[in-house]
Amino acid sequence: MVTYRDEGVVLRTTKLGEADRIITILTKSNGKVRAVAKGVRRTKSRFGSRLEPFMRADLLLAQGRNLDVVSQAASIATYADPICADYDLYTNGGVMLETADKLVSAEHEPARGQYLLLISALKALSTGSRDPRMISASYLMRAIALAGWQPRFDSCIVCARPAAQCELSYFSVSGGGCICHADHTPESVRVSGPAVNQLEALTSGDWQRLAAAPLDPITDRLVEKWGEYYLERPIRALRLLDSSL
């Protein structure tokens, strides 16, 4: 069997047989990988807790016909310990793992930018350095922008006039950005200047601006709609967050 080494973050796990699991991992060099961890559900498993969601590990994998096989796993960062101990951190972390899993759909295709963005967001979440909801919202917007869907904030998506020449008081998820008052479409949502500013800051990761105010409910809703539209499916972890408020 051909083997390869890579580091990765565990996105999710699925039971296989009596003692095994299929581990879905976003890796640094090989993109998304699905691999079998044999015997991982046994009490005396040699992998321990190193192959649980949120864990970042150095991995030795063997290439398989349908699924690869985890041969070795050594912990790099135990993000799971603080995240799983706090419900707010856990639910927001779930948004991030689910987004990464859905956004990187093809297996074994490098997605280094997505990987680096994910580990940066997980580190921030696990250290409690910022508001958890703000971290997951910024991660979602930045991950989708990195994949090619960047919202337009500086000009109207209909008439193309810059913000200095018109009032950008509406936002269209399906249209891809801000719309002026004169040309707003039926499905667009009316937004305030501060809400647009916050949405732009989330997308660019501008934490100096984001520290100025808590997450605006309209901004929060637009982030959820943006994610569901461009991922082409609901984000279940976001629904869980909504129900907890």
Foldseek 3Di string as FASTA:
>chain_A
DDKDKWKWFFLAWADDPDAKIWTWTQTQFFGTATAIEPRNRDPPRPCDCQRHGGWIWIFMWADDDPHIYTDDTDGDDCLVPQQVVDPLSVLLLNLLSLLSPLLRPDGRDHDNVLRVLSVVLSVCSSVVVDRSLLSSLLSLLQNLVVSPQHADEQAALPPRHGCVVFPQQWFDLVSRYTHGPVDDDPRIHGHDPLLSVSLVCSNVVVVVSPVPDDHDPVNSVSSQVNNCVSSVHHSVSVVVVVVVD
